[in-house]
Amino acid sequence: MRGIKQIYELGMQVLLGLAIFETPGLKQLKHLWYRLHFRTGRINIGAGVKLLEVHPNLSKHKLEIGDEVVICLGCYIDYTGGLKIGNRVNISQDTIIFTHEHVVEGVSLFENRIKPSGLEISDEVWIGARSVILPSVNKIGYGAVIAAGSVVTKDVPPRAIVAGVPARVKGKRKLH
């Protein structure tokens, strides 16, 4: 049964990712579907975004999206390990987020064993374009900024500005 659910979700996301759903009237319909299906707050999701539970039969984790969240064009977001996105978060174009990894030690690669890893993105976070968040990350702290093109391999402290491959703290953000 979950296989049919996953096909339905992916089909709807592909359909809603078409350029026609970027027109004013249909864009509201797209956002309504996301709000009802994922029980989100007010969100703005760009064309071509994929929110996927990649291994639904192996996972019982959820996706939670807060209020005033923007997910820009072409993002690929895996919530197999569980994902909580706080309020006022901006995920820029072509960002990739993984919440699981495949177990490769001591098993055949064809066993397809996964290790889920939950991720919490706190409020007021800005993730720059084409960033990659790996499953080794469990928390991105309040007010953090991830520079464009960064590969995040470990937790990000609150208000930190991180950049690079792998991402390292480059400064501290001042918030009111």
N, C-alpha and C. Protein backbone atom coordinates (compact mmCIF):
# COMPACT_ATOMS: atom_id res chain seq x y z
N MET A 1 0.82 -1.21 0.00
CA MET A 1 0.00 0.00 0.00
C MET A 1 0.85 1.26 0.00
N ARG A 2 1.98 1.22 0.75
CA ARG A 2 2.84 2.40 0.79
C ARG A 2 3.47 2.67 -0.57
N GLY A 3 3.67 1.64 -1.39
CA GLY A 3 4.22 1.83 -2.72
C GLY A 3 3.29 2.70 -3.56
N ILE A 4 2.00 2.46 -3.46
CA ILE A 4 1.02 3.26 -4.18
C ILE A 4 1.03 4.69 -3.65
N LYS A 5 1.14 4.85 -2.34
CA LYS A 5 1.20 6.19 -1.75
C LYS A 5 2.42 6.95 -2.26
N GLN A 6 3.57 6.27 -2.32
CA GLN A 6 4.78 6.94 -2.79
C GLN A 6 4.64 7.33 -4.27
N ILE A 7 4.07 6.47 -5.09
CA ILE A 7 3.86 6.79 -6.50
C ILE A 7 2.92 7.98 -6.63
N TYR A 8 1.86 8.00 -5.83
CA TYR A 8 0.92 9.13 -5.83
C TYR A 8 1.62 10.43 -5.45
N GLU A 9 2.40 10.40 -4.35
CA GLU A 9 3.10 11.60 -3.89
C GLU A 9 4.07 12.11 -4.95
N LEU A 10 4.86 11.21 -5.51
CA LEU A 10 5.83 11.61 -6.53
C LEU A 10 5.11 12.14 -7.76
N GLY A 11 4.06 11.46 -8.17
CA GLY A 11 3.28 11.92 -9.34
C GLY A 11 2.72 13.31 -9.13
N MET A 12 2.16 13.55 -7.95
CA MET A 12 1.61 14.89 -7.65
C MET A 12 2.71 15.94 -7.63
N GLN A 13 3.86 15.60 -7.07
CA GLN A 13 4.95 16.57 -7.02
C GLN A 13 5.49 16.88 -8.41
N VAL A 14 5.58 15.85 -9.27
CA VAL A 14 6.03 16.08 -10.64
C VAL A 14 5.01 16.96 -11.35
N LEU A 15 3.73 16.64 -11.20
CA LEU A 15 2.68 17.44 -11.81
C LEU A 15 2.70 18.88 -11.30
N LEU A 16 2.78 19.04 -9.98
CA LEU A 16 2.77 20.38 -9.40
C LEU A 16 4.07 21.14 -9.69
N GLY A 17 5.12 20.43 -10.09
CA GLY A 17 6.38 21.06 -10.45
C GLY A 17 6.40 21.64 -11.85
N LEU A 18 5.37 21.35 -12.64
CA LEU A 18 5.32 21.88 -14.01
C LEU A 18 5.16 23.39 -14.00
N ALA A 19 5.68 24.03 -15.02
CA ALA A 19 5.67 25.49 -15.11
C ALA A 19 4.25 26.07 -15.06
N ILE A 20 3.26 25.33 -15.53
CA ILE A 20 1.89 25.85 -15.54
C ILE A 20 1.40 26.15 -14.12
N PHE A 21 1.92 25.42 -13.13
CA PHE A 21 1.52 25.64 -11.74
C PHE A 21 2.24 26.82 -11.10
N GLU A 22 2.99 27.56 -11.90
CA GLU A 22 3.61 28.80 -11.42
C GLU A 22 2.75 30.01 -11.76
N THR A 23 1.65 29.82 -12.49
CA THR A 23 0.73 30.92 -12.78
C THR A 23 -0.04 31.25 -11.51
N PRO A 24 -0.47 32.51 -11.34
CA PRO A 24 -1.05 32.94 -10.05
C PRO A 24 -2.15 32.05 -9.48
N GLY A 25 -3.17 31.70 -10.23
CA GLY A 25 -4.27 30.91 -9.69
C GLY A 25 -3.86 29.49 -9.35
N LEU A 26 -3.10 28.87 -10.25
CA LEU A 26 -2.70 27.49 -10.04
C LEU A 26 -1.60 27.36 -8.99
N LYS A 27 -0.81 28.40 -8.79
CA LYS A 27 0.23 28.37 -7.76
C LYS A 27 -0.41 28.25 -6.37
N GLN A 28 -1.54 28.93 -6.17
CA GLN A 28 -2.25 28.83 -4.89
C GLN A 28 -2.77 27.41 -4.68
N LEU A 29 -3.24 26.77 -5.75
CA LEU A 29 -3.73 25.40 -5.67
C LEU A 29 -2.58 24.46 -5.28
N LYS A 30 -1.40 24.69 -5.87
CA LYS A 30 -0.21 23.87 -5.55
C LYS A 30 0.13 24.00 -4.07
N HIS A 31 0.16 25.22 -3.56
CA HIS A 31 0.52 25.43 -2.16
C HIS A 31 -0.54 24.84 -1.23
N LEU A 32 -1.80 24.89 -1.63
CA LEU A 32 -2.86 24.28 -0.83
C LEU A 32 -2.66 22.77 -0.74
N TRP A 33 -2.29 22.12 -1.85
CA TRP A 33 -2.05 20.68 -1.82
C TRP A 33 -0.92 20.35 -0.84
N TYR A 34 0.19 21.09 -0.92
CA TYR A 34 1.31 20.85 0.00
C TYR A 34 0.88 21.05 1.45
N ARG A 35 0.11 22.11 1.71
CA ARG A 35 -0.31 22.38 3.09
C ARG A 35 -1.20 21.28 3.63
N LEU A 36 -2.11 20.77 2.81
CA LEU A 36 -3.00 19.71 3.27
C LEU A 36 -2.27 18.37 3.37
N HIS A 37 -1.45 18.06 2.39
CA HIS A 37 -0.80 16.75 2.35
C HIS A 37 0.28 16.61 3.42
N PHE A 38 1.10 17.64 3.60
CA PHE A 38 2.19 17.57 4.57
C PHE A 38 1.89 18.31 5.87
N ARG A 39 0.68 18.85 6.00
CA ARG A 39 0.27 19.59 7.20
C ARG A 39 1.29 20.68 7.55
N THR A 40 1.53 21.53 6.58
CA THR A 40 2.51 22.59 6.75
C THR A 40 1.84 23.91 7.09
N GLY A 41 2.65 24.88 7.46
CA GLY A 41 2.17 26.25 7.61
C GLY A 41 2.12 26.92 6.24
N ARG A 42 2.16 28.25 6.23
CA ARG A 42 2.19 28.97 4.95
C ARG A 42 3.56 28.78 4.33
N ILE A 43 3.56 28.19 3.13
CA ILE A 43 4.82 27.90 2.47
C ILE A 43 4.77 28.37 1.03
N ASN A 44 5.95 28.54 0.44
CA ASN A 44 6.08 28.86 -0.97
C ASN A 44 7.07 27.87 -1.57
N ILE A 45 6.57 27.00 -2.44
CA ILE A 45 7.40 25.95 -3.02
C ILE A 45 7.55 26.21 -4.50
N GLY A 46 8.80 26.28 -4.97
CA GLY A 46 9.10 26.56 -6.36
C GLY A 46 8.89 25.35 -7.26
N ALA A 47 9.01 25.58 -8.56
CA ALA A 47 8.84 24.53 -9.55
C ALA A 47 9.94 23.48 -9.41
N GLY A 48 9.60 22.24 -9.67
CA GLY A 48 10.56 21.16 -9.69
C GLY A 48 11.06 20.68 -8.34
N VAL A 49 10.44 21.12 -7.25
CA VAL A 49 10.85 20.67 -5.92
C VAL A 49 10.35 19.25 -5.70
N LYS A 50 11.22 18.41 -5.11
CA LYS A 50 10.84 17.05 -4.78
C LYS A 50 11.02 16.84 -3.29
N LEU A 51 9.93 16.53 -2.59
CA LEU A 51 9.94 16.17 -1.18
C LEU A 51 9.64 14.68 -1.12
N LEU A 52 10.65 13.86 -0.83
CA LEU A 52 10.49 12.42 -0.97
C LEU A 52 10.89 11.65 0.28
N GLU A 53 10.10 10.65 0.57
CA GLU A 53 10.48 9.63 1.54
C GLU A 53 11.03 8.50 0.68
N VAL A 54 12.34 8.48 0.47
CA VAL A 54 12.97 7.62 -0.52
C VAL A 54 12.77 6.14 -0.24
N HIS A 55 12.79 5.75 1.01
CA HIS A 55 12.60 4.35 1.40
C HIS A 55 11.40 4.25 2.34
N PRO A 56 10.18 4.37 1.84
CA PRO A 56 9.01 4.40 2.73
C PRO A 56 8.78 3.11 3.49
N ASN A 57 9.17 1.98 2.94
CA ASN A 57 8.93 0.71 3.63
C ASN A 57 9.91 0.49 4.78
N LEU A 58 11.00 1.24 4.80
CA LEU A 58 12.03 1.08 5.82
C LEU A 58 11.97 2.17 6.87
N SER A 59 11.04 3.08 6.75
CA SER A 59 11.05 4.26 7.61
C SER A 59 9.65 4.58 8.10
N LYS A 60 9.59 5.14 9.30
CA LYS A 60 8.31 5.59 9.85
C LYS A 60 8.42 7.05 10.27
N HIS A 61 9.30 7.78 9.62
CA HIS A 61 9.57 9.15 10.00
C HIS A 61 8.68 10.13 9.26
N LYS A 62 8.62 11.33 9.77
CA LYS A 62 7.71 12.34 9.26
C LYS A 62 8.43 13.55 8.72
N LEU A 63 7.70 14.33 7.96
CA LEU A 63 8.14 15.63 7.48
C LEU A 63 7.27 16.67 8.15
N GLU A 64 7.90 17.65 8.81
CA GLU A 64 7.18 18.77 9.41
C GLU A 64 7.77 20.05 8.83
N ILE A 65 6.89 20.93 8.34
CA ILE A 65 7.35 22.20 7.78
C ILE A 65 6.60 23.31 8.50
N GLY A 66 7.36 24.28 9.02
CA GLY A 66 6.78 25.39 9.77
C GLY A 66 6.11 26.43 8.89
N ASP A 67 5.97 27.62 9.43
CA ASP A 67 5.27 28.72 8.78
C ASP A 67 6.26 29.64 8.07
N GLU A 68 5.83 30.23 6.98
CA GLU A 68 6.62 31.18 6.20
C GLU A 68 7.93 30.56 5.71
N VAL A 69 7.83 29.35 5.18
CA VAL A 69 8.98 28.64 4.64
C VAL A 69 8.99 28.79 3.13
N VAL A 70 10.18 29.04 2.57
CA VAL A 70 10.35 29.13 1.12
C VAL A 70 11.31 28.03 0.70
N ILE A 71 10.87 27.21 -0.24
CA ILE A 71 11.71 26.18 -0.84
C ILE A 71 11.76 26.49 -2.33
N CYS A 72 12.92 26.92 -2.79
CA CYS A 72 13.05 27.43 -4.16
C CYS A 72 13.18 26.31 -5.19
N LEU A 73 13.26 26.72 -6.45
CA LEU A 73 13.29 25.82 -7.61
C LEU A 73 14.25 24.65 -7.47
N GLY A 74 13.80 23.49 -7.89
CA GLY A 74 14.67 22.35 -8.09
C GLY A 74 15.28 21.70 -6.87
N CYS A 75 14.78 21.98 -5.68
CA CYS A 75 15.34 21.36 -4.47
C CYS A 75 14.94 19.89 -4.40
N TYR A 76 15.84 19.07 -3.87
CA TYR A 76 15.58 17.65 -3.65
C TYR A 76 15.72 17.42 -2.15
N ILE A 77 14.60 17.09 -1.51
CA ILE A 77 14.59 16.95 -0.06
C ILE A 77 14.10 15.56 0.31
N ASP A 78 15.00 14.77 0.88
CA ASP A 78 14.70 13.41 1.33
C ASP A 78 14.36 13.46 2.81
N TYR A 79 13.19 12.97 3.19
CA TYR A 79 12.83 12.96 4.61
C TYR A 79 12.66 11.54 5.15
N THR A 80 13.40 10.58 4.57
CA THR A 80 13.34 9.19 5.01
C THR A 80 13.67 9.07 6.50
N GLY A 81 14.68 9.81 6.97
CA GLY A 81 15.09 9.74 8.37
C GLY A 81 14.33 10.68 9.28
N GLY A 82 13.43 11.46 8.74
CA GLY A 82 12.67 12.45 9.50
C GLY A 82 13.27 13.83 9.32
N LEU A 83 12.41 14.80 9.08
CA LEU A 83 12.87 16.17 8.84
C LEU A 83 11.88 17.15 9.44
N LYS A 84 12.40 18.07 10.24
CA LYS A 84 11.59 19.14 10.81
C LYS A 84 12.20 20.46 10.36
N ILE A 85 11.42 21.25 9.64
CA ILE A 85 11.85 22.56 9.16
C ILE A 85 11.09 23.60 9.97
N GLY A 86 11.83 24.50 10.63
CA GLY A 86 11.22 25.52 11.49
C GLY A 86 10.54 26.63 10.70
N ASN A 87 10.23 27.72 11.39
CA ASN A 87 9.55 28.87 10.80
C ASN A 87 10.56 29.82 10.14
N ARG A 88 10.10 30.50 9.12
CA ARG A 88 10.89 31.52 8.40
C ARG A 88 12.23 30.97 7.93
N VAL A 89 12.17 29.83 7.25
CA VAL A 89 13.36 29.19 6.69
C VAL A 89 13.34 29.40 5.18
N ASN A 90 14.52 29.70 4.62
CA ASN A 90 14.65 29.86 3.18
C ASN A 90 15.64 28.82 2.68
N ILE A 91 15.16 27.92 1.83
CA ILE A 91 16.02 26.91 1.21
C ILE A 91 16.14 27.29 -0.25
N SER A 92 17.32 27.74 -0.64
CA SER A 92 17.53 28.29 -1.98
C SER A 92 17.61 27.22 -3.05
N GLN A 93 17.63 27.67 -4.28
CA GLN A 93 17.54 26.85 -5.48
C GLN A 93 18.55 25.71 -5.51
N ASP A 94 18.06 24.55 -5.96
CA ASP A 94 18.87 23.35 -6.21
C ASP A 94 19.57 22.77 -4.98
N THR A 95 19.07 23.06 -3.80
CA THR A 95 19.64 22.48 -2.58
C THR A 95 19.25 21.00 -2.49
N ILE A 96 20.14 20.20 -1.94
CA ILE A 96 19.89 18.77 -1.75
C ILE A 96 20.03 18.46 -0.26
N ILE A 97 19.03 17.79 0.29
CA ILE A 97 19.05 17.40 1.71
C ILE A 97 18.81 15.90 1.79
N PHE A 98 19.74 15.18 2.45
CA PHE A 98 19.61 13.75 2.65
C PHE A 98 19.43 13.46 4.14
N THR A 99 18.50 12.56 4.48
CA THR A 99 18.30 12.17 5.88
C THR A 99 18.46 10.66 6.09
N HIS A 100 19.15 10.03 5.18
CA HIS A 100 19.49 8.62 5.36
C HIS A 100 20.74 8.31 4.55
N GLU A 101 21.40 7.23 4.97
CA GLU A 101 22.54 6.75 4.20
C GLU A 101 22.45 5.24 4.11
N HIS A 102 23.14 4.68 3.15
CA HIS A 102 23.14 3.23 2.98
C HIS A 102 24.27 2.61 3.79
N VAL A 103 23.96 1.50 4.44
CA VAL A 103 24.95 0.75 5.20
C VAL A 103 25.78 -0.06 4.19
N VAL A 104 27.11 0.11 4.23
CA VAL A 104 27.96 -0.60 3.28
C VAL A 104 28.91 -1.58 3.95
N GLU A 105 29.11 -1.45 5.25
CA GLU A 105 30.03 -2.34 5.97
C GLU A 105 29.31 -3.59 6.46
N GLY A 106 29.87 -4.76 6.14
CA GLY A 106 29.36 -6.01 6.66
C GLY A 106 28.08 -6.52 6.02
N VAL A 107 27.63 -5.91 4.94
CA VAL A 107 26.41 -6.36 4.27
C VAL A 107 26.64 -6.33 2.76
N SER A 108 25.85 -7.11 2.05
CA SER A 108 25.87 -7.04 0.60
C SER A 108 25.21 -5.73 0.18
N LEU A 109 25.74 -5.08 -0.82
CA LEU A 109 25.15 -3.83 -1.28
C LEU A 109 23.73 -4.02 -1.80
N PHE A 110 23.38 -5.26 -2.15
CA PHE A 110 22.05 -5.53 -2.66
C PHE A 110 21.01 -5.71 -1.55
N GLU A 111 21.45 -5.73 -0.28
CA GLU A 111 20.51 -5.83 0.83
C GLU A 111 19.75 -4.52 1.01
N ASN A 112 20.31 -3.42 0.53
CA ASN A 112 19.66 -2.11 0.60
C ASN A 112 19.30 -1.71 2.02
N ARG A 113 20.24 -1.91 2.94
CA ARG A 113 20.01 -1.51 4.33
C ARG A 113 20.34 -0.04 4.47
N ILE A 114 19.47 0.67 5.16
CA ILE A 114 19.69 2.10 5.34
C ILE A 114 19.82 2.44 6.82
N LYS A 115 20.46 3.57 7.06
CA LYS A 115 20.58 4.11 8.41
C LYS A 115 19.92 5.49 8.38
N PRO A 116 18.71 5.60 8.94
CA PRO A 116 18.04 6.91 8.94
C PRO A 116 18.73 7.87 9.92
N SER A 117 18.65 9.14 9.61
CA SER A 117 19.27 10.16 10.44
C SER A 117 18.37 11.40 10.41
N GLY A 118 17.69 11.67 11.52
CA GLY A 118 16.78 12.81 11.58
C GLY A 118 17.52 14.14 11.47
N LEU A 119 16.85 15.13 10.91
CA LEU A 119 17.42 16.46 10.77
C LEU A 119 16.40 17.49 11.24
N GLU A 120 16.88 18.45 12.06
CA GLU A 120 16.05 19.58 12.46
C GLU A 120 16.71 20.85 11.94
N ILE A 121 15.95 21.61 11.16
CA ILE A 121 16.39 22.92 10.69
C ILE A 121 15.62 23.93 11.52
N SER A 122 16.31 24.67 12.36
CA SER A 122 15.67 25.61 13.29
C SER A 122 15.11 26.83 12.55
N ASP A 123 14.43 27.70 13.30
CA ASP A 123 13.85 28.93 12.76
C ASP A 123 14.92 29.86 12.20
N GLU A 124 14.50 30.71 11.26
CA GLU A 124 15.33 31.80 10.72
C GLU A 124 16.60 31.33 10.00
N VAL A 125 16.60 30.13 9.46
CA VAL A 125 17.77 29.59 8.76
C VAL A 125 17.69 29.93 7.28
N TRP A 126 18.86 30.23 6.68
CA TRP A 126 18.94 30.49 5.25
C TRP A 126 19.98 29.53 4.68
N ILE A 127 19.53 28.67 3.77
CA ILE A 127 20.41 27.72 3.11
C ILE A 127 20.62 28.20 1.68
N GLY A 128 21.87 28.51 1.33
CA GLY A 128 22.20 29.06 0.02
C GLY A 128 22.05 28.05 -1.11
N ALA A 129 21.98 28.56 -2.33
CA ALA A 129 21.77 27.76 -3.53
C ALA A 129 22.82 26.67 -3.69
N ARG A 130 22.36 25.54 -4.17
CA ARG A 130 23.19 24.39 -4.49
C ARG A 130 24.00 23.85 -3.32
N SER A 131 23.50 24.06 -2.12
CA SER A 131 24.12 23.47 -0.94
C SER A 131 23.69 22.01 -0.83
N VAL A 132 24.51 21.23 -0.15
CA VAL A 132 24.19 19.82 0.10
C VAL A 132 24.28 19.60 1.60
N ILE A 133 23.21 19.05 2.19
CA ILE A 133 23.18 18.72 3.61
C ILE A 133 23.21 17.19 3.69
N LEU A 134 24.26 16.64 4.28
CA LEU A 134 24.44 15.19 4.34
C LEU A 134 23.77 14.59 5.58
N PRO A 135 23.54 13.26 5.59
CA PRO A 135 22.84 12.63 6.71
C PRO A 135 23.60 12.66 8.03
N SER A 136 24.86 13.03 8.02
CA SER A 136 25.63 13.15 9.26
C SER A 136 25.23 14.40 10.05
N VAL A 137 24.39 15.25 9.47
CA VAL A 137 23.93 16.48 10.13
C VAL A 137 22.60 16.18 10.83
N ASN A 138 22.51 16.52 12.12
CA ASN A 138 21.27 16.33 12.87
C ASN A 138 20.56 17.63 13.18
N LYS A 139 21.32 18.74 13.24
CA LYS A 139 20.68 20.01 13.59
C LYS A 139 21.41 21.17 12.93
N ILE A 140 20.59 22.07 12.38
CA ILE A 140 21.08 23.36 11.90
C ILE A 140 20.46 24.38 12.84
N GLY A 141 21.29 25.09 13.60
CA GLY A 141 20.85 25.95 14.68
C GLY A 141 20.12 27.20 14.23
N TYR A 142 19.44 27.82 15.19
CA TYR A 142 18.64 29.02 14.98
C TYR A 142 19.46 30.12 14.30
N GLY A 143 18.90 30.68 13.23
CA GLY A 143 19.51 31.82 12.57
C GLY A 143 20.76 31.54 11.76
N ALA A 144 21.09 30.28 11.55
CA ALA A 144 22.31 29.94 10.81
C ALA A 144 22.16 30.29 9.33
N VAL A 145 23.30 30.55 8.68
CA VAL A 145 23.36 30.79 7.24
C VAL A 145 24.35 29.82 6.65
N ILE A 146 23.92 29.12 5.60
CA ILE A 146 24.80 28.20 4.89
C ILE A 146 25.05 28.82 3.53
N ALA A 147 26.31 29.13 3.22
CA ALA A 147 26.66 29.79 1.97
C ALA A 147 26.37 28.88 0.77
N ALA A 148 26.12 29.50 -0.37
CA ALA A 148 25.85 28.77 -1.60
C ALA A 148 26.98 27.81 -1.92
N GLY A 149 26.61 26.61 -2.37
CA GLY A 149 27.58 25.62 -2.79
C GLY A 149 28.28 24.87 -1.68
N SER A 150 27.87 25.08 -0.46
CA SER A 150 28.51 24.41 0.68
C SER A 150 28.06 22.96 0.79
N VAL A 151 28.93 22.13 1.33
CA VAL A 151 28.58 20.75 1.66
C VAL A 151 28.67 20.63 3.17
N VAL A 152 27.51 20.48 3.82
CA VAL A 152 27.44 20.46 5.27
C VAL A 152 27.54 19.01 5.74
N THR A 153 28.57 18.73 6.57
CA THR A 153 28.83 17.37 7.03
C THR A 153 28.62 17.18 8.52
N LYS A 154 28.45 18.30 9.26
CA LYS A 154 28.23 18.20 10.71
C LYS A 154 27.27 19.30 11.15
N ASP A 155 26.80 19.18 12.39
CA ASP A 155 25.82 20.13 12.92
C ASP A 155 26.33 21.56 12.80
N VAL A 156 25.38 22.49 12.60
CA VAL A 156 25.70 23.92 12.46
C VAL A 156 25.21 24.63 13.72
N PRO A 157 26.09 25.36 14.43
CA PRO A 157 25.67 26.05 15.65
C PRO A 157 24.70 27.19 15.35
N PRO A 158 23.94 27.63 16.37
CA PRO A 158 23.04 28.77 16.18
C PRO A 158 23.80 30.01 15.69
N ARG A 159 23.18 30.75 14.78
CA ARG A 159 23.67 32.02 14.21
C ARG A 159 25.01 31.91 13.48
N ALA A 160 25.50 30.70 13.25
CA ALA A 160 26.77 30.53 12.54
C ALA A 160 26.59 30.78 11.05
N ILE A 161 27.61 31.32 10.43
CA ILE A 161 27.68 31.44 8.98
C ILE A 161 28.72 30.42 8.53
N VAL A 162 28.29 29.43 7.75
CA VAL A 162 29.20 28.38 7.32
C VAL A 162 29.34 28.41 5.80
N ALA A 163 30.52 28.00 5.33
CA ALA A 163 30.78 27.98 3.89
C ALA A 163 31.86 26.96 3.60
N GLY A 164 31.88 26.46 2.38
CA GLY A 164 32.96 25.61 1.91
C GLY A 164 32.60 24.16 1.77
N VAL A 165 33.63 23.40 1.33
CA VAL A 165 33.49 21.96 1.14
C VAL A 165 34.66 21.30 1.86
N PRO A 166 34.47 20.70 3.01
CA PRO A 166 33.24 20.69 3.79
C PRO A 166 33.01 22.05 4.45
N ALA A 167 31.76 22.32 4.80
CA ALA A 167 31.40 23.62 5.39
C ALA A 167 32.05 23.80 6.75
N ARG A 168 32.60 24.99 6.95
CA ARG A 168 33.21 25.36 8.23
C ARG A 168 32.67 26.72 8.65
N VAL A 169 32.66 26.98 9.95
CA VAL A 169 32.17 28.25 10.46
C VAL A 169 33.11 29.37 10.01
N LYS A 170 32.54 30.40 9.36
CA LYS A 170 33.31 31.54 8.87
C LYS A 170 32.99 32.81 9.64
N GLY A 171 31.87 32.80 10.38
CA GLY A 171 31.50 33.98 11.13
C GLY A 171 30.25 33.72 11.94
N LYS A 172 29.77 34.78 12.58
CA LYS A 172 28.58 34.70 13.44
C LYS A 172 27.59 35.75 12.95
N ARG A 173 26.35 35.38 12.84
CA ARG A 173 25.29 36.27 12.39
C ARG A 173 24.72 37.05 13.56
N LYS A 174 24.54 38.35 13.35
CA LYS A 174 23.92 39.17 14.39
C LYS A 174 22.43 39.27 14.11
N LEU A 175 21.63 38.86 15.08
CA LEU A 175 20.17 38.93 14.97
C LEU A 175 19.62 39.84 16.05
N HIS A 176 18.53 40.51 15.72
CA HIS A 176 17.91 41.42 16.70
C HIS A 176 17.04 40.63 17.65
